[in-house]
C-alpha atoms as a PDB file:
ATOM      1  CA  UNK A   1       3.393  12.509 -14.097  1.00  0.00           C
ATOM      2  CA  UNK A   2       5.175  15.842 -14.248  1.00  0.00           C
ATOM      3  CA  UNK A   3       7.416  17.044 -11.428  1.00  0.00           C
ATOM      4  CA  UNK A   4       4.894  19.758 -10.507  1.00  0.00           C
ATOM      5  CA  UNK A   5       2.117  17.170 -10.087  1.00  0.00           C
ATOM      6  CA  UNK A   6       4.363  15.012  -7.927  1.00  0.00           C
ATOM      7  CA  UNK A   7       5.063  17.895  -5.558  1.00  0.00           C
ATOM      8  CA  UNK A   8       1.456  19.096  -5.429  1.00  0.00           C
ATOM      9  CA  UNK A   9       0.324  15.675  -4.191  1.00  0.00           C
ATOM     10  CA  UNK A  10       2.881  15.555  -1.388  1.00  0.00           C
ATOM     11  CA  UNK A  11       1.843  16.623   2.073  1.00  0.00           C
ATOM     12  CA  UNK A  12       4.400  18.932   3.762  1.00  0.00           C
ATOM     13  CA  UNK A  13       5.388  16.231   6.266  1.00  0.00           C
ATOM     14  CA  UNK A  14       5.727  13.419   3.696  1.00  0.00           C
ATOM     15  CA  UNK A  15       9.194  12.081   3.022  1.00  0.00           C
ATOM     16  CA  UNK A  16       9.414  10.898  -0.543  1.00  0.00           C
ATOM     17  CA  UNK A  17      12.153   8.994  -2.270  1.00  0.00           C
ATOM     18  CA  UNK A  18      12.715   8.676  -5.986  1.00  0.00           C
ATOM     19  CA  UNK A  19      15.382   6.372  -7.363  1.00  0.00           C
ATOM     20  CA  UNK A  20      15.871   6.401 -11.115  1.00  0.00           C
ATOM     21  CA  UNK A  21      17.820   3.501 -12.549  1.00  0.00           C
ATOM     22  CA  UNK A  22      18.786   3.049 -16.172  1.00  0.00           C
ATOM     23  CA  UNK A  23      21.329   1.043 -18.143  1.00  0.00           C
ATOM     24  CA  UNK A  24      23.941   3.054 -20.024  1.00  0.00           C
ATOM     25  CA  UNK A  25      23.078   1.181 -23.238  1.00  0.00           C
ATOM     26  CA  UNK A  26      19.386   2.167 -23.134  1.00  0.00           C
ATOM     27  CA  UNK A  27      19.852   5.035 -25.595  1.00  0.00           C
ATOM     28  CA  UNK A  28      17.109   7.669 -25.262  1.00  0.00           C
ATOM     29  CA  UNK A  29      16.118   6.401 -21.809  1.00  0.00           C
ATOM     30  CA  UNK A  30      19.441   7.639 -20.407  1.00  0.00           C
ATOM     31  CA  UNK A  31      18.772  11.141 -21.688  1.00  0.00           C
ATOM     32  CA  UNK A  32      15.190  11.006 -20.372  1.00  0.00           C
ATOM     33  CA  UNK A  33      16.381   9.867 -16.936  1.00  0.00           C
ATOM     34  CA  UNK A  34      18.981  12.633 -16.788  1.00  0.00           C
ATOM     35  CA  UNK A  35      16.371  15.245 -17.718  1.00  0.00           C
ATOM     36  CA  UNK A  36      13.884  13.953 -15.140  1.00  0.00           C
ATOM     37  CA  UNK A  37      16.621  13.909 -12.502  1.00  0.00           C
ATOM     38  CA  UNK A  38      17.510  17.515 -13.311  1.00  0.00           C
ATOM     39  CA  UNK A  39      13.847  18.553 -13.123  1.00  0.00           C
ATOM     40  CA  UNK A  40      13.265  16.767  -9.825  1.00  0.00           C
ATOM     41  CA  UNK A  41      16.509  18.090  -8.350  1.00  0.00           C
ATOM     42  CA  UNK A  42      15.322  21.649  -8.899  1.00  0.00           C
ATOM     43  CA  UNK A  43      12.565  20.956  -6.348  1.00  0.00           C
ATOM     44  CA  UNK A  44      14.719  18.997  -3.910  1.00  0.00           C
ATOM     45  CA  UNK A  45      13.880  19.532  -0.256  1.00  0.00           C
ATOM     46  CA  UNK A  46      14.497  17.683   2.987  1.00  0.00           C
ATOM     47  CA  UNK A  47      11.269  15.795   2.274  1.00  0.00           C
ATOM     48  CA  UNK A  48      12.430  14.620  -1.143  1.00  0.00           C
ATOM     49  CA  UNK A  49      15.404  12.389  -1.806  1.00  0.00           C
ATOM     50  CA  UNK A  50      16.258  11.983  -5.491  1.00  0.00           C
ATOM     51  CA  UNK A  51      18.968   9.745  -6.884  1.00  0.00           C
ATOM     52  CA  UNK A  52      19.968   8.689 -10.398  1.00  0.00           C
ATOM     53  CA  UNK A  53      22.086   5.644 -11.117  1.00  0.00           C
ATOM     54  CA  UNK A  54      23.260   4.742 -14.596  1.00  0.00           C
ATOM     55  CA  UNK A  55      24.449   1.143 -14.734  1.00  0.00           C
ATOM     56  CA  UNK A  56      27.446   0.965 -17.037  1.00  0.00           C
ATOM     57  CA  UNK A  57      27.350  -1.513 -19.937  1.00  0.00           C
ATOM     58  CA  UNK A  58      23.783  -2.600 -19.149  1.00  0.00           C
ATOM     59  CA  UNK A  59      20.771  -2.569 -21.445  1.00  0.00           C
ATOM     60  CA  UNK A  60      17.024  -2.888 -20.968  1.00  0.00           C
ATOM     61  CA  UNK A  61      17.227  -6.668 -20.580  1.00  0.00           C
ATOM     62  CA  UNK A  62      20.311  -6.867 -18.373  1.00  0.00           C
ATOM     63  CA  UNK A  63      19.858  -3.895 -16.043  1.00  0.00           C
ATOM     64  CA  UNK A  64      17.373  -5.434 -13.582  1.00  0.00           C
ATOM     65  CA  UNK A  65      19.681  -7.954 -11.872  1.00  0.00           C
ATOM     66  CA  UNK A  66      22.389  -5.289 -11.756  1.00  0.00           C
ATOM     67  CA  UNK A  67      20.295  -2.686  -9.923  1.00  0.00           C
ATOM     68  CA  UNK A  68      18.252  -4.822  -7.500  1.00  0.00           C
ATOM     69  CA  UNK A  69      20.679  -4.567  -4.577  1.00  0.00           C
ATOM     70  CA  UNK A  70      21.045  -0.800  -5.068  1.00  0.00           C
ATOM     71  CA  UNK A  71      17.258  -0.384  -5.114  1.00  0.00           C
ATOM     72  CA  UNK A  72      16.788  -2.340  -1.873  1.00  0.00           C
ATOM     73  CA  UNK A  73      19.527  -0.333  -0.129  1.00  0.00           C
ATOM     74  CA  UNK A  74      17.963   2.941  -1.314  1.00  0.00           C
ATOM     75  CA  UNK A  75      14.547   1.938   0.053  1.00  0.00           C
ATOM     76  CA  UNK A  76      16.015   1.083   3.440  1.00  0.00           C
ATOM     77  CA  UNK A  77      18.151   4.228   3.955  1.00  0.00           C
END
């Protein structure tokens, strides 16, 4: 889904949260996450909370346990 599609589907009163998590050792996925974060940040409003976290020294297999606590805290803010 492109950023424009995401915003078109949102009602004006909706509060949306997007947390992007990636391990620093995930090669192209880090660049993709940074680009998506930049695109989403351009449209940031009070109704949209966007955060990017890059877990140092983690890869695709090891990142999940590392980011679980952060993800739960983000959901409950």
